[in-house]
Protein backbone atom coordinates (compact mmCIF):
# COMPACT_ATOMS: atom_id res chain seq x y z
CA SER A 1 43.04 -2.73 -37.68
CA LYS A 2 41.64 -7.18 -37.59
CA LYS A 3 38.45 -7.24 -39.31
CA LYS A 4 35.39 -8.30 -36.97
CA GLY A 5 33.87 -11.05 -37.64
CA LEU A 6 30.14 -11.67 -38.57
CA ASN A 7 27.51 -12.31 -35.57
CA PHE A 8 25.20 -14.74 -35.47
CA GLU A 9 21.77 -13.39 -37.43
CA GLU A 10 24.32 -11.53 -40.06
CA LYS A 11 25.59 -15.45 -41.48
CA ARG A 12 22.13 -16.20 -41.68
CA ALA A 13 20.79 -12.69 -43.67
CA ARG A 14 24.06 -13.34 -45.59
CA MET A 15 23.24 -17.13 -46.55
CA MET A 16 19.63 -16.64 -46.99
CA GLU A 17 21.19 -13.72 -49.62
CA ILE A 18 22.92 -16.93 -51.48
CA PHE A 19 19.62 -18.77 -52.18
CA PHE A 20 17.37 -15.62 -53.18
CA GLU A 21 20.16 -14.55 -55.76
CA THR A 22 21.14 -17.83 -57.84
CA LYS A 23 17.05 -19.63 -57.28
CA ASP A 24 19.27 -22.27 -57.56
CA VAL A 25 19.01 -25.97 -54.95
CA PHE A 26 22.82 -27.15 -53.28
CA GLN A 27 23.53 -29.78 -51.47
CA LEU A 28 25.84 -28.94 -47.98
CA LYS A 29 29.30 -29.17 -49.56
CA ASP A 30 28.06 -26.26 -52.42
CA ILE A 31 27.31 -24.19 -50.04
CA GLU A 32 30.21 -24.53 -47.81
CA LYS A 33 31.97 -23.80 -50.74
CA ILE A 34 30.62 -20.23 -51.37
CA ALA A 35 29.34 -18.98 -48.24
CA PRO A 36 33.06 -18.23 -47.41
CA LYS A 37 33.82 -17.01 -50.98
CA GLU A 38 31.01 -14.97 -51.68
CA LYS A 39 29.87 -13.90 -48.62
CA GLY A 40 32.68 -14.21 -45.78
CA ILE A 41 30.72 -17.09 -44.12
CA THR A 42 33.54 -19.48 -42.27
CA SER A 43 32.95 -22.92 -43.99
CA MET A 44 33.14 -24.28 -40.07
CA SER A 45 30.17 -22.54 -39.35
CA VAL A 46 28.39 -23.17 -42.36
CA LYS A 47 26.16 -26.18 -40.76
CA GLU A 48 25.03 -24.91 -38.28
CA ILE A 49 23.60 -21.57 -39.64
CA LEU A 50 21.67 -23.54 -42.51
CA GLN A 51 20.59 -25.58 -40.26
CA SER A 52 18.82 -22.52 -38.33
CA LEU A 53 17.41 -21.45 -41.70
CA VAL A 54 15.71 -24.40 -41.81
CA ASP A 55 14.52 -25.53 -38.04
CA ASP A 56 12.98 -21.57 -38.88
CA GLY A 57 11.56 -22.59 -41.90
CA MET A 58 13.39 -20.31 -44.27
CA VAL A 59 14.99 -23.33 -46.10
CA ASP A 60 13.66 -25.66 -46.72
CA THR A 61 15.29 -29.49 -47.21
CA ASP A 62 14.71 -32.73 -49.27
CA ARG A 63 16.56 -35.86 -49.54
CA ILE A 64 16.94 -37.03 -52.65
CA GLY A 65 18.66 -40.83 -53.07
CA THR A 66 21.78 -40.39 -50.49
CA SER A 67 21.88 -36.39 -50.86
CA ASN A 68 20.10 -33.13 -49.42
CA TYR A 69 19.06 -30.64 -51.38
CA PHE A 70 18.64 -27.45 -50.08
CA TRP A 71 16.68 -24.51 -51.84
CA ALA A 72 14.87 -21.27 -50.34
CA PHE A 73 12.49 -18.90 -52.98
CA PRO A 74 11.94 -14.91 -51.95
CA SER A 75 7.81 -15.28 -52.61
CA LYS A 76 8.59 -17.82 -49.65
CA ALA A 77 10.30 -15.98 -47.07
CA LEU A 78 7.34 -13.44 -48.09
CA HIS A 79 4.94 -15.39 -47.16
CA ALA A 80 6.54 -15.99 -44.18
CA ARG A 81 7.40 -12.30 -43.15
CA LYS A 82 3.45 -12.40 -44.37
CA ARG A 83 2.28 -15.14 -41.24
CA LYS A 84 4.73 -13.91 -38.97
CA LEU A 85 3.87 -10.84 -38.88
CA GLU A 86 -0.56 -11.50 -39.07
CA GLU A 87 0.78 -13.94 -35.61
CA LEU A 88 2.44 -10.68 -33.77
CA GLU A 89 -0.92 -8.39 -35.24
CA SER A 90 -2.78 -11.25 -33.53
CA GLN A 91 -0.25 -11.47 -30.26
CA PHE A 92 -0.79 -7.70 -29.73
CA ALA A 93 -4.91 -8.04 -30.33
CA GLU A 94 -4.77 -10.35 -27.42
CA SER A 95 -2.58 -8.25 -25.29
CA ASN A 96 -4.49 -5.39 -26.24
CA GLN A 97 -8.31 -7.63 -24.68
CA LYS A 98 -5.89 -8.39 -22.12
CA LYS A 99 -5.42 -5.47 -20.87
CA GLU A 100 -8.77 -3.79 -21.58
CA ASN A 101 -10.40 -7.04 -19.31
CA LEU A 102 -8.42 -5.69 -16.67
CA GLN A 103 -8.73 -2.67 -16.70
CA LYS A 104 -12.99 -3.42 -17.25
CA SER A 105 -12.38 -5.73 -13.73
CA ILE A 106 -9.93 -2.99 -11.78
CA GLU A 107 -13.17 -0.75 -12.54
CA LYS A 108 -15.79 -3.78 -11.75
CA SER A 109 -13.74 -4.06 -8.38
CA LYS A 110 -14.77 -0.15 -7.33
CA ILE A 111 -18.19 -1.09 -7.40
CA GLY A 112 -19.52 -0.70 -4.00
CA ARG A 113 -16.07 0.24 -2.30
CA GLU A 114 -16.15 3.86 -2.67
CA ASP A 115 -17.44 4.03 1.05
CA THR A 116 -13.65 5.69 1.80
CA GLU A 117 -14.97 8.20 4.18
CA GLU A 118 -16.49 4.55 6.52
CA ARG A 119 -12.52 3.33 5.58
CA ALA A 120 -11.50 6.80 7.48
CA ALA A 121 -13.58 6.48 10.16
CA LEU A 122 -11.78 3.28 10.73
CA LEU A 123 -8.16 4.08 10.23
CA LYS A 124 -9.19 6.83 12.82
CA LYS A 125 -10.88 4.74 15.25
CA LEU A 126 -7.87 2.60 15.57
CA ALA A 127 -5.61 5.32 16.11
CA ALA A 128 -7.25 6.95 18.78
CA LEU A 129 -7.17 3.55 20.35
CA ARG A 130 -3.29 3.14 19.71
CA GLN A 131 -3.06 6.38 21.25
CA LYS A 132 -5.87 6.04 24.23
CA LYS A 133 -3.06 2.70 24.97
CA GLU A 134 -0.35 5.03 25.18
CA GLN A 135 -2.02 7.11 27.76
CA LEU A 136 -3.35 4.08 29.60
CA LYS A 137 0.03 3.25 30.36
CA LYS A 138 1.03 6.51 31.24
CA GLU A 139 -1.53 6.36 33.97
CA ILE A 140 -1.29 2.57 35.42
CA ASP A 141 2.84 3.96 35.45
CA LYS A 142 1.54 7.44 37.00
CA TYR A 143 -1.22 4.68 39.67
CA ARG A 144 1.64 2.28 40.33
CA GLU A 145 1.77 3.06 43.68
CA CYS A 146 -2.03 3.81 44.60
CA ASP A 147 -4.97 1.92 45.11
CA PRO A 148 -4.13 -1.72 43.35
CA ASP A 149 -7.91 -2.10 42.34
CA VAL A 150 -7.56 1.17 39.97
CA VAL A 151 -4.84 0.14 38.51
CA GLU A 152 -6.11 -3.47 37.90
CA GLU A 153 -8.92 -1.57 35.97
CA MET A 154 -6.93 0.56 34.22
CA ARG A 155 -5.07 -2.64 33.16
CA GLN A 156 -8.50 -4.19 32.27
CA THR A 157 -9.85 -1.37 30.39
CA ASN A 158 -5.97 -1.38 28.24
CA GLN A 159 -7.05 -4.97 27.56
CA VAL A 160 -9.87 -4.49 25.95
CA ALA A 161 -8.80 -1.42 23.69
CA LYS A 162 -6.30 -3.91 22.71
CA GLU A 163 -8.53 -6.05 21.59
CA ALA A 164 -10.10 -3.86 20.03
CA ALA A 165 -7.58 -2.57 18.27
CA ASN A 166 -6.48 -5.76 16.71
CA ARG A 167 -10.17 -6.87 15.99
CA TRP A 168 -9.74 -3.42 13.10
CA THR A 169 -6.51 -4.89 12.50
CA ASP A 170 -7.29 -8.56 11.46
CA ASN A 171 -10.25 -7.30 9.62
CA ILE A 172 -7.76 -4.74 7.63
CA PHE A 173 -5.52 -7.44 7.10
CA SER A 174 -8.25 -9.85 5.66
CA ILE A 175 -9.91 -7.75 3.53
CA LYS A 176 -6.62 -6.51 2.03
CA SER A 177 -5.57 -11.21 1.57
CA TRP A 178 -9.29 -11.32 0.11
CA ALA A 179 -8.34 -8.23 -2.07
CA LYS A 180 -5.12 -9.75 -3.25
CA ARG A 181 -6.84 -13.52 -4.37
CA LYS A 182 -9.59 -12.18 -5.96
CA PHE A 183 -8.28 -9.10 -7.68
CA GLY A 184 -4.28 -9.97 -8.21
CA PHE A 185 -3.39 -6.53 -6.72
CA GLU A 186 -0.38 -6.32 -4.70
CA GLU A 187 -0.27 -5.11 -1.47
CA SER A 188 1.70 -1.86 -2.03
CA ARG A 189 -1.14 -0.67 -4.56
CA ILE A 190 -3.70 -1.40 -1.80
CA ASP A 191 -2.25 0.34 0.63
CA LYS A 192 -1.96 3.21 -1.28
CA CYS A 193 -5.24 3.60 -2.61
CA PHE A 194 -7.34 3.07 0.28
CA GLY A 195 -5.27 4.58 2.86
CA ILE A 196 -3.39 2.21 4.90
CA PRO A 197 -0.54 2.56 6.78
CA GLU A 198 2.84 0.49 5.34
CA ASP A 199 3.82 -0.33 9.43
CA LEU A 200 0.25 -1.13 10.58
CA ASP A 201 0.15 -4.44 12.28
CA TYR A 202 -1.22 -6.28 15.59
CA ILE A 203 -0.88 -4.05 19.12
CA ASP A 204 1.53 -6.52 21.24
């Protein structure tokens, strides 16, 4: 079967071996001869691989006269790894701090919002108003052929109930919008935390 070629990272690792094993300084033409023979890196890809190592600071380069020279020593690679490790540890610590701050912000946002009974009462009242609306519709249908004054009064009562329900709905939407802007909470999370129905909407 055909031998599988090296991937980009494998080529980079093998090229670094050339520098570490010899501890020597090379020109590009030297590496283009050594890499295919000793490390299985195609000569056409040597320049690209070498440049990527230079860009990452793993290989040093300098121009002397008309020629460019390249070198890399294990001690520098060790220091580079240490710096990278320190950088990652710093990022990890920063991420942990952000996580702690966010957690504190969430806990702080809960202060003063323990009135779940009141919120539940509002939602219960809203449900009752919706039920009342349906009852009024049925009553209107029942008395459709009866006294017009009675029907009109029921219609007005229905309108009052509808407006009240929509006011409470508007208040709930306003609180949700404020919470999203203030604390960056997702709407689904707010609904879940405070027991707000997913299908909550204005009454037409």
